[in-house]
PDB file of N, CA and C in Angstrom:
ATOM      1  N   MET A   1       0.816  -1.193   0.000  1.00  0.00           N
ATOM      2  CA  MET A   1       0.000   0.000   0.000  1.00  0.00           C
ATOM      3  C   MET A   1       0.869   1.271   0.000  1.00  0.00           C
ATOM      4  N   TRP A   2       1.954   1.231   0.721  1.00  0.00           N
ATOM      5  CA  TRP A   2       2.800   2.420   0.790  1.00  0.00           C
ATOM      6  C   TRP A   2       3.447   2.723  -0.556  1.00  0.00           C
ATOM      7  N   LYS A   3       3.678   1.672  -1.387  1.00  0.00           N
ATOM      8  CA  LYS A   3       4.244   1.893  -2.718  1.00  0.00           C
ATOM      9  C   LYS A   3       3.258   2.655  -3.599  1.00  0.00           C
ATOM     10  N   LEU A   4       1.996   2.298  -3.496  1.00  0.00           N
ATOM     11  CA  LEU A   4       0.966   2.986  -4.279  1.00  0.00           C
ATOM     12  C   LEU A   4       0.826   4.435  -3.826  1.00  0.00           C
ATOM     13  N   THR A   5       0.893   4.685  -2.547  1.00  0.00           N
ATOM     14  CA  THR A   5       0.810   6.049  -2.017  1.00  0.00           C
ATOM     15  C   THR A   5       2.014   6.873  -2.483  1.00  0.00           C
ATOM     16  N   LEU A   6       3.175   6.264  -2.453  1.00  0.00           N
ATOM     17  CA  LEU A   6       4.381   6.958  -2.912  1.00  0.00           C
ATOM     18  C   LEU A   6       4.297   7.253  -4.405  1.00  0.00           C
ATOM     19  N   LEU A   7       3.825   6.305  -5.189  1.00  0.00           N
ATOM     20  CA  LEU A   7       3.713   6.496  -6.622  1.00  0.00           C
ATOM     21  C   LEU A   7       2.716   7.603  -6.953  1.00  0.00           C
ATOM     22  N   VAL A   8       1.600   7.630  -6.281  1.00  0.00           N
ATOM     23  CA  VAL A   8       0.580   8.658  -6.518  1.00  0.00           C
ATOM     24  C   VAL A   8       1.108  10.032  -6.085  1.00  0.00           C
ATOM     25  N   SER A   9       1.780  10.108  -4.971  1.00  0.00           N
ATOM     26  CA  SER A   9       2.275  11.399  -4.499  1.00  0.00           C
ATOM     27  C   SER A   9       3.397  11.922  -5.397  1.00  0.00           C
ATOM     28  N   LEU A  10       4.179  11.030  -6.013  1.00  0.00           N
ATOM     29  CA  LEU A  10       5.222  11.477  -6.932  1.00  0.00           C
ATOM     30  C   LEU A  10       4.659  11.837  -8.306  1.00  0.00           C
ATOM     31  N   MET A  11       3.619  11.184  -8.750  1.00  0.00           N
ATOM     32  CA  MET A  11       3.037  11.444 -10.063  1.00  0.00           C
ATOM     33  C   MET A  11       2.024  12.580 -10.053  1.00  0.00           C
ATOM     34  N   LEU A  12       1.499  12.928  -8.908  1.00  0.00           N
ATOM     35  CA  LEU A  12       0.471  13.959  -8.821  1.00  0.00           C
ATOM     36  C   LEU A  12       0.930  15.314  -9.372  1.00  0.00           C
ATOM     37  N   PRO A  13       2.132  15.809  -9.089  1.00  0.00           N
ATOM     38  CA  PRO A  13       2.550  17.087  -9.670  1.00  0.00           C
ATOM     39  C   PRO A  13       2.635  17.054 -11.200  1.00  0.00           C
ATOM     40  N   PHE A  14       3.066  15.930 -11.753  1.00  0.00           N
ATOM     41  CA  PHE A  14       3.167  15.832 -13.210  1.00  0.00           C
ATOM     42  C   PHE A  14       1.790  15.823 -13.873  1.00  0.00           C
ATOM     43  N   VAL A  15       0.865  15.106 -13.281  1.00  0.00           N
ATOM     44  CA  VAL A  15      -0.478  15.021 -13.846  1.00  0.00           C
ATOM     45  C   VAL A  15      -1.174  16.376 -13.752  1.00  0.00           C
ATOM     46  N   THR A  16      -1.064  17.045 -12.634  1.00  0.00           N
ATOM     47  CA  THR A  16      -1.746  18.334 -12.475  1.00  0.00           C
ATOM     48  C   THR A  16      -1.095  19.414 -13.331  1.00  0.00           C
ATOM     49  N   SER A  17       0.205  19.328 -13.558  1.00  0.00           N
ATOM     50  CA  SER A  17       0.840  20.338 -14.391  1.00  0.00           C
ATOM     51  C   SER A  17       0.368  20.222 -15.834  1.00  0.00           C
ATOM     52  N   CYS A  18       0.101  19.018 -16.289  1.00  0.00           N
ATOM     53  CA  CYS A  18      -0.423  18.854 -17.646  1.00  0.00           C
ATOM     54  C   CYS A  18      -1.857  19.356 -17.726  1.00  0.00           C
ATOM     55  N   ALA A  19      -2.637  19.110 -16.687  1.00  0.00           N
ATOM     56  CA  ALA A  19      -4.033  19.527 -16.696  1.00  0.00           C
ATOM     57  C   ALA A  19      -4.156  21.037 -16.543  1.00  0.00           C
ATOM     58  N   LEU A  20      -3.242  21.672 -15.817  1.00  0.00           N
ATOM     59  CA  LEU A  20      -3.324  23.097 -15.570  1.00  0.00           C
ATOM     60  C   LEU A  20      -2.426  23.901 -16.506  1.00  0.00           C
ATOM     61  N   GLY A  21      -1.759  23.241 -17.460  1.00  0.00           N
ATOM     62  CA  GLY A  21      -0.823  23.915 -18.347  1.00  0.00           C
ATOM     63  C   GLY A  21      -1.491  24.968 -19.209  1.00  0.00           C
ATOM     64  N   SER A  22      -0.691  25.848 -19.768  1.00  0.00           N
ATOM     65  CA  SER A  22      -1.222  26.921 -20.598  1.00  0.00           C
ATOM     66  C   SER A  22      -1.454  26.428 -22.009  1.00  0.00           C
ATOM     67  N   ASN A  23      -2.136  27.211 -22.765  1.00  0.00           N
ATOM     68  CA  ASN A  23      -2.426  26.897 -24.151  1.00  0.00           C
ATOM     69  C   ASN A  23      -1.119  26.951 -24.943  1.00  0.00           C
ATOM     70  N   PRO A  24      -0.720  25.865 -25.608  1.00  0.00           N
ATOM     71  CA  PRO A  24       0.565  25.868 -26.305  1.00  0.00           C
ATOM     72  C   PRO A  24       0.585  26.795 -27.523  1.00  0.00           C
ATOM     73  N   THR A  25      -0.570  27.144 -28.038  1.00  0.00           N
ATOM     74  CA  THR A  25      -0.610  28.032 -29.203  1.00  0.00           C
ATOM     75  C   THR A  25      -0.651  29.498 -28.801  1.00  0.00           C
ATOM     76  N   ALA A  26      -0.825  29.781 -27.529  1.00  0.00           N
ATOM     77  CA  ALA A  26      -0.898  31.174 -27.072  1.00  0.00           C
ATOM     78  C   ALA A  26       0.494  31.791 -27.091  1.00  0.00           C
ATOM     79  N   GLN A  27       0.575  33.043 -27.473  1.00  0.00           N
ATOM     80  CA  GLN A  27       1.841  33.768 -27.519  1.00  0.00           C
ATOM     81  C   GLN A  27       2.077  34.471 -26.184  1.00  0.00           C
ATOM     82  N   ALA A  28       3.305  34.459 -25.751  1.00  0.00           N
ATOM     83  CA  ALA A  28       3.661  35.195 -24.537  1.00  0.00           C
ATOM     84  C   ALA A  28       3.647  36.685 -24.862  1.00  0.00           C
ATOM     85  N   PRO A  29       3.225  37.519 -23.926  1.00  0.00           N
ATOM     86  CA  PRO A  29       3.219  38.961 -24.213  1.00  0.00           C
ATOM     87  C   PRO A  29       4.645  39.470 -24.442  1.00  0.00           C
ATOM     88  N   ALA A  30       4.784  40.347 -25.393  1.00  0.00           N
ATOM     89  CA  ALA A  30       6.100  40.895 -25.718  1.00  0.00           C
ATOM     90  C   ALA A  30       6.536  41.863 -24.627  1.00  0.00           C
ATOM     91  N   LEU A  31       7.770  41.750 -24.232  1.00  0.00           N
ATOM     92  CA  LEU A  31       8.310  42.651 -23.221  1.00  0.00           C
ATOM     93  C   LEU A  31       8.856  43.898 -23.897  1.00  0.00           C
ATOM     94  N   ALA A  32       8.666  45.014 -23.247  1.00  0.00           N
ATOM     95  CA  ALA A  32       9.186  46.269 -23.788  1.00  0.00           C
ATOM     96  C   ALA A  32      10.711  46.265 -23.662  1.00  0.00           C
ATOM     97  N   PRO A  33      11.423  46.758 -24.675  1.00  0.00           N
ATOM     98  CA  PRO A  33      12.878  46.784 -24.572  1.00  0.00           C
ATOM     99  C   PRO A  33      13.341  47.751 -23.486  1.00  0.00           C
ATOM    100  N   VAL A  34      14.432  47.402 -22.853  1.00  0.00           N
ATOM    101  CA  VAL A  34      14.985  48.227 -21.788  1.00  0.00           C
ATOM    102  C   VAL A  34      15.870  49.300 -22.415  1.00  0.00           C
ATOM    103  N   GLN A  35      15.628  50.531 -22.049  1.00  0.00           N
ATOM    104  CA  GLN A  35      16.427  51.646 -22.547  1.00  0.00           C
ATOM    105  C   GLN A  35      17.443  52.024 -21.469  1.00  0.00           C
ATOM    106  N   ALA A  36      18.695  51.709 -21.716  1.00  0.00           N
ATOM    107  CA  ALA A  36      19.757  52.051 -20.758  1.00  0.00           C
ATOM    108  C   ALA A  36      20.382  53.375 -21.172  1.00  0.00           C
ATOM    109  N   GLN A  37      20.512  54.262 -20.233  1.00  0.00           N
ATOM    110  CA  GLN A  37      21.132  55.547 -20.500  1.00  0.00           C
ATOM    111  C   GLN A  37      22.287  55.745 -19.530  1.00  0.00           C
ATOM    112  N   THR A  38      23.388  56.211 -20.059  1.00  0.00           N
ATOM    113  CA  THR A  38      24.576  56.457 -19.247  1.00  0.00           C
ATOM    114  C   THR A  38      24.662  57.938 -18.950  1.00  0.00           C
ATOM    115  N   ARG A  39      24.839  58.251 -17.703  1.00  0.00           N
ATOM    116  CA  ARG A  39      25.002  59.650 -17.305  1.00  0.00           C
ATOM    117  C   ARG A  39      26.368  59.782 -16.661  1.00  0.00           C
ATOM    118  N   ILE A  40      27.168  60.668 -17.199  1.00  0.00           N
ATOM    119  CA  ILE A  40      28.517  60.876 -16.684  1.00  0.00           C
ATOM    120  C   ILE A  40      28.508  62.085 -15.757  1.00  0.00           C
ATOM    121  N   VAL A  41      28.959  61.869 -14.546  1.00  0.00           N
ATOM    122  CA  VAL A  41      29.044  62.940 -13.557  1.00  0.00           C
ATOM    123  C   VAL A  41      30.519  63.163 -13.262  1.00  0.00           C
ATOM    124  N   ASP A  42      31.013  64.319 -13.637  1.00  0.00           N
ATOM    125  CA  ASP A  42      32.430  64.631 -13.443  1.00  0.00           C
ATOM    126  C   ASP A  42      32.596  65.354 -12.116  1.00  0.00           C
ATOM    127  N   THR A  43      33.236  64.690 -11.169  1.00  0.00           N
ATOM    128  CA  THR A  43      33.455  65.289  -9.849  1.00  0.00           C
ATOM    129  C   THR A  43      34.924  65.623  -9.629  1.00  0.00           C
ATOM    130  N   SER A  44      35.721  65.593 -10.693  1.00  0.00           N
ATOM    131  CA  SER A  44      37.156  65.799 -10.510  1.00  0.00           C
ATOM    132  C   SER A  44      37.466  67.194  -9.981  1.00  0.00           C
ATOM    133  N   CYS A  45      36.653  68.184 -10.320  1.00  0.00           N
ATOM    134  CA  CYS A  45      36.935  69.545  -9.838  1.00  0.00           C
ATOM    135  C   CYS A  45      36.735  69.663  -8.327  1.00  0.00           C
ATOM    136  N   ASP A  46      36.022  68.686  -7.731  1.00  0.00           N
ATOM    137  CA  ASP A  46      35.812  68.708  -6.282  1.00  0.00           C
ATOM    138  C   ASP A  46      37.053  68.263  -5.515  1.00  0.00           C
ATOM    139  N   TRP A  47      37.865  67.403  -6.105  1.00  0.00           N
ATOM    140  CA  TRP A  47      38.985  66.850  -5.351  1.00  0.00           C
ATOM    141  C   TRP A  47      40.351  67.102  -5.983  1.00  0.00           C
ATOM    142  N   VAL A  48      40.401  67.602  -7.208  1.00  0.00           N
ATOM    143  CA  VAL A  48      41.687  67.910  -7.837  1.00  0.00           C
ATOM    144  C   VAL A  48      41.987  69.386  -7.639  1.00  0.00           C
ATOM    145  N   LYS A  49      43.165  69.698  -7.222  1.00  0.00           N
ATOM    146  CA  LYS A  49      43.560  71.085  -6.959  1.00  0.00           C
ATOM    147  C   LYS A  49      44.812  71.425  -7.759  1.00  0.00           C
ATOM    148  N   ALA A  50      45.089  72.700  -7.852  1.00  0.00           N
ATOM    149  CA  ALA A  50      46.284  73.164  -8.561  1.00  0.00           C
ATOM    150  C   ALA A  50      47.534  72.758  -7.791  1.00  0.00           C
ATOM    151  N   ILE A  51      48.630  72.621  -8.510  1.00  0.00           N
ATOM    152  CA  ILE A  51      49.917  72.277  -7.900  1.00  0.00           C
ATOM    153  C   ILE A  51      50.757  73.542  -7.851  1.00  0.00           C
ATOM    154  N   TYR A  52      51.158  73.900  -6.657  1.00  0.00           N
ATOM    155  CA  TYR A  52      51.991  75.086  -6.461  1.00  0.00           C
ATOM    156  C   TYR A  52      53.381  74.649  -6.024  1.00  0.00           C
ATOM    157  N   LEU A  53      54.385  75.294  -6.525  1.00  0.00           N
ATOM    158  CA  LEU A  53      55.769  74.963  -6.185  1.00  0.00           C
ATOM    159  C   LEU A  53      56.411  76.112  -5.417  1.00  0.00           C
ATOM    160  N   VAL A  54      57.303  75.743  -4.512  1.00  0.00           N
ATOM    161  CA  VAL A  54      58.108  76.752  -3.821  1.00  0.00           C
ATOM    162  C   VAL A  54      59.448  76.828  -4.545  1.00  0.00           C
ATOM    163  N   ALA A  55      60.234  77.841  -4.228  1.00  0.00           N
ATOM    164  CA  ALA A  55      61.495  78.077  -4.933  1.00  0.00           C
ATOM    165  C   ALA A  55      62.433  76.872  -4.862  1.00  0.00           C
ATOM    166  N   ALA A  56      62.461  76.164  -3.752  1.00  0.00           N
ATOM    167  CA  ALA A  56      63.341  75.000  -3.617  1.00  0.00           C
ATOM    168  C   ALA A  56      62.913  73.869  -4.558  1.00  0.00           C
ATOM    169  N   ASP A  57      61.621  73.757  -4.828  1.00  0.00           N
ATOM    170  CA  ASP A  57      61.130  72.709  -5.724  1.00  0.00           C
ATOM    171  C   ASP A  57      61.519  72.984  -7.172  1.00  0.00           C
ATOM    172  N   VAL A  58      61.540  74.233  -7.565  1.00  0.00           N
ATOM    173  CA  VAL A  58      61.796  74.591  -8.958  1.00  0.00           C
ATOM    174  C   VAL A  58      63.155  74.084  -9.403  1.00  0.00           C
ATOM    175  N   ASP A  59      64.154  74.176  -8.573  1.00  0.00           N
ATOM    176  CA  ASP A  59      65.493  73.709  -8.926  1.00  0.00           C
ATOM    177  C   ASP A  59      65.615  72.185  -8.871  1.00  0.00           C
ATOM    178  N   ALA A  60      64.726  71.520  -8.128  1.00  0.00           N
ATOM    179  CA  ALA A  60      64.872  70.090  -7.900  1.00  0.00           C
ATOM    180  C   ALA A  60      64.102  69.221  -8.901  1.00  0.00           C
ATOM    181  N   ILE A  61      63.158  69.785  -9.659  1.00  0.00           N
ATOM    182  CA  ILE A  61      62.354  68.949 -10.548  1.00  0.00           C
ATOM    183  C   ILE A  61      62.924  68.954 -11.965  1.00  0.00           C
ATOM    184  N   SER A  62      62.566  67.910 -12.704  1.00  0.00           N
ATOM    185  CA  SER A  62      63.034  67.790 -14.088  1.00  0.00           C
ATOM    186  C   SER A  62      62.178  68.663 -15.006  1.00  0.00           C
ATOM    187  N   PRO A  63      62.669  68.981 -16.178  1.00  0.00           N
ATOM    188  CA  PRO A  63      61.861  69.762 -17.126  1.00  0.00           C
ATOM    189  C   PRO A  63      60.569  69.039 -17.524  1.00  0.00           C
ATOM    190  N   PHE A  64      60.632  67.719 -17.612  1.00  0.00           N
ATOM    191  CA  PHE A  64      59.425  66.948 -17.943  1.00  0.00           C
ATOM    192  C   PHE A  64      58.358  67.122 -16.865  1.00  0.00           C
ATOM    193  N   LEU A  65      58.737  67.010 -15.598  1.00  0.00           N
ATOM    194  CA  LEU A  65      57.795  67.182 -14.497  1.00  0.00           C
ATOM    195  C   LEU A  65      57.260  68.612 -14.463  1.00  0.00           C
ATOM    196  N   ALA A  66      58.096  69.578 -14.759  1.00  0.00           N
ATOM    197  CA  ALA A  66      57.637  70.973 -14.798  1.00  0.00           C
ATOM    198  C   ALA A  66      56.579  71.160 -15.869  1.00  0.00           C
ATOM    199  N   ARG A  67      56.778  70.516 -17.044  1.00  0.00           N
ATOM    200  CA  ARG A  67      55.788  70.583 -18.117  1.00  0.00           C
ATOM    201  C   ARG A  67      54.482  69.915 -17.701  1.00  0.00           C
ATOM    202  N   GLU A  68      54.576  68.769 -17.031  1.00  0.00           N
ATOM    203  CA  GLU A  68      53.381  68.050 -16.570  1.00  0.00           C
ATOM    204  C   GLU A  68      52.585  68.880 -15.564  1.00  0.00           C
ATOM    205  N   ILE A  69      53.275  69.514 -14.634  1.00  0.00           N
ATOM    206  CA  ILE A  69      52.602  70.358 -13.643  1.00  0.00           C
ATOM    207  C   ILE A  69      51.942  71.547 -14.334  1.00  0.00           C
ATOM    208  N   ASP A  70      52.632  72.134 -15.294  1.00  0.00           N
ATOM    209  CA  ASP A  70      52.068  73.271 -16.028  1.00  0.00           C
ATOM    210  C   ASP A  70      50.824  72.842 -16.818  1.00  0.00           C
ATOM    211  N   ASP A  71      50.884  71.684 -17.470  1.00  0.00           N
ATOM    212  CA  ASP A  71      49.715  71.174 -18.202  1.00  0.00           C
ATOM    213  C   ASP A  71      48.545  70.897 -17.261  1.00  0.00           C
ATOM    214  N   HIS A  72      48.830  70.328 -16.087  1.00  0.00           N
ATOM    215  CA  HIS A  72      47.801  70.058 -15.084  1.00  0.00           C
ATOM    216  C   HIS A  72      47.115  71.354 -14.660  1.00  0.00           C
ATOM    217  N   ASN A  73      47.899  72.357 -14.368  1.00  0.00           N
ATOM    218  CA  ASN A  73      47.335  73.631 -13.914  1.00  0.00           C
ATOM    219  C   ASN A  73      46.550  74.332 -15.029  1.00  0.00           C
ATOM    220  N   LYS A  74      47.043  74.253 -16.267  1.00  0.00           N
ATOM    221  CA  LYS A  74      46.307  74.854 -17.385  1.00  0.00           C
ATOM    222  C   LYS A  74      44.978  74.143 -17.618  1.00  0.00           C
ATOM    223  N   ALA A  75      44.966  72.830 -17.491  1.00  0.00           N
ATOM    224  CA  ALA A  75      43.721  72.075 -17.641  1.00  0.00           C
ATOM    225  C   ALA A  75      42.725  72.449 -16.544  1.00  0.00           C
ATOM    226  N   GLY A  76      43.214  72.648 -15.325  1.00  0.00           N
ATOM    227  CA  GLY A  76      42.327  73.050 -14.229  1.00  0.00           C
ATOM    228  C   GLY A  76      41.743  74.433 -14.449  1.00  0.00           C
ATOM    229  N   VAL A  77      42.536  75.348 -14.989  1.00  0.00           N
ATOM    230  CA  VAL A  77      42.039  76.699 -15.285  1.00  0.00           C
ATOM    231  C   VAL A  77      40.943  76.609 -16.348  1.00  0.00           C
ATOM    232  N   GLN A  78      41.184  75.797 -17.365  1.00  0.00           N
ATOM    233  CA  GLN A  78      40.241  75.689 -18.470  1.00  0.00           C
ATOM    234  C   GLN A  78      38.998  74.880 -18.095  1.00  0.00           C
ATOM    235  N   HIS A  79      39.157  73.763 -17.419  1.00  0.00           N
ATOM    236  CA  HIS A  79      38.045  72.850 -17.141  1.00  0.00           C
ATOM    237  C   HIS A  79      37.281  73.190 -15.863  1.00  0.00           C
ATOM    238  N   CYS A  80      37.994  73.568 -14.825  1.00  0.00           N
ATOM    239  CA  CYS A  80      37.358  73.773 -13.522  1.00  0.00           C
ATOM    240  C   CYS A  80      37.183  75.239 -13.150  1.00  0.00           C
ATOM    241  N   GLY A  81      37.765  76.120 -13.944  1.00  0.00           N
ATOM    242  CA  GLY A  81      37.621  77.534 -13.637  1.00  0.00           C
ATOM    243  C   GLY A  81      38.518  78.018 -12.524  1.00  0.00           C
ATOM    244  N   TRP A  82      39.653  77.324 -12.293  1.00  0.00           N
ATOM    245  CA  TRP A  82      40.598  77.791 -11.289  1.00  0.00           C
ATOM    246  C   TRP A  82      41.153  79.134 -11.734  1.00  0.00           C
ATOM    247  N   GLY A  83      41.581  79.910 -10.763  1.00  0.00           N
ATOM    248  CA  GLY A  83      42.329  81.118 -11.105  1.00  0.00           C
ATOM    249  C   GLY A  83      43.685  80.716 -11.642  1.00  0.00           C
ATOM    250  N   SER A  84      44.296  81.541 -12.373  1.00  0.00           N
ATOM    251  CA  SER A  84      45.614  81.225 -12.921  1.00  0.00           C
ATOM    252  C   SER A  84      46.597  80.995 -11.780  1.00  0.00           C
ATOM    253  N   PRO A  85      47.355  79.861 -11.792  1.00  0.00           N
ATOM    254  CA  PRO A  85      48.278  79.578 -10.708  1.00  0.00           C
ATOM    255  C   PRO A  85      49.326  80.659 -10.496  1.00  0.00           C
ATOM    256  N   SER A  86      49.667  81.374 -11.559  1.00  0.00           N
ATOM    257  CA  SER A  86      50.682  82.417 -11.407  1.00  0.00           C
ATOM    258  C   SER A  86      50.142  83.628 -10.676  1.00  0.00           C
ATOM    259  N   SER A  87      48.815  83.772 -10.562  1.00  0.00           N
ATOM    260  CA  SER A  87      48.229  84.936  -9.899  1.00  0.00           C
ATOM    261  C   SER A  87      48.178  84.768  -8.378  1.00  0.00           C
ATOM    262  N   LYS A  88      48.494  83.583  -7.856  1.00  0.00           N
ATOM    263  CA  LYS A  88      48.399  83.341  -6.407  1.00  0.00           C
ATOM    264  C   LYS A  88      49.680  83.618  -5.714  1.00  0.00           C
TER     265      LYS A  88
END
């Protein structure tokens, strides 16, 4: 008797799923496409500051580093609206 009970309890989900299944010819509703939009928020002006050198630094740095610092400061003046580093 327990074998019959086990067989019925195991087969019951399969039988009911066939009886309660959906119409095979019915179409699933079409999902609307997802529109992804990228928004770029530039916060570099909040944490990047101009580089100022003291007289002792000027003699100690290479010409390449001096050019890099000058380019950094010019970009900050143009992009972030810093005052000209030479005016400070």
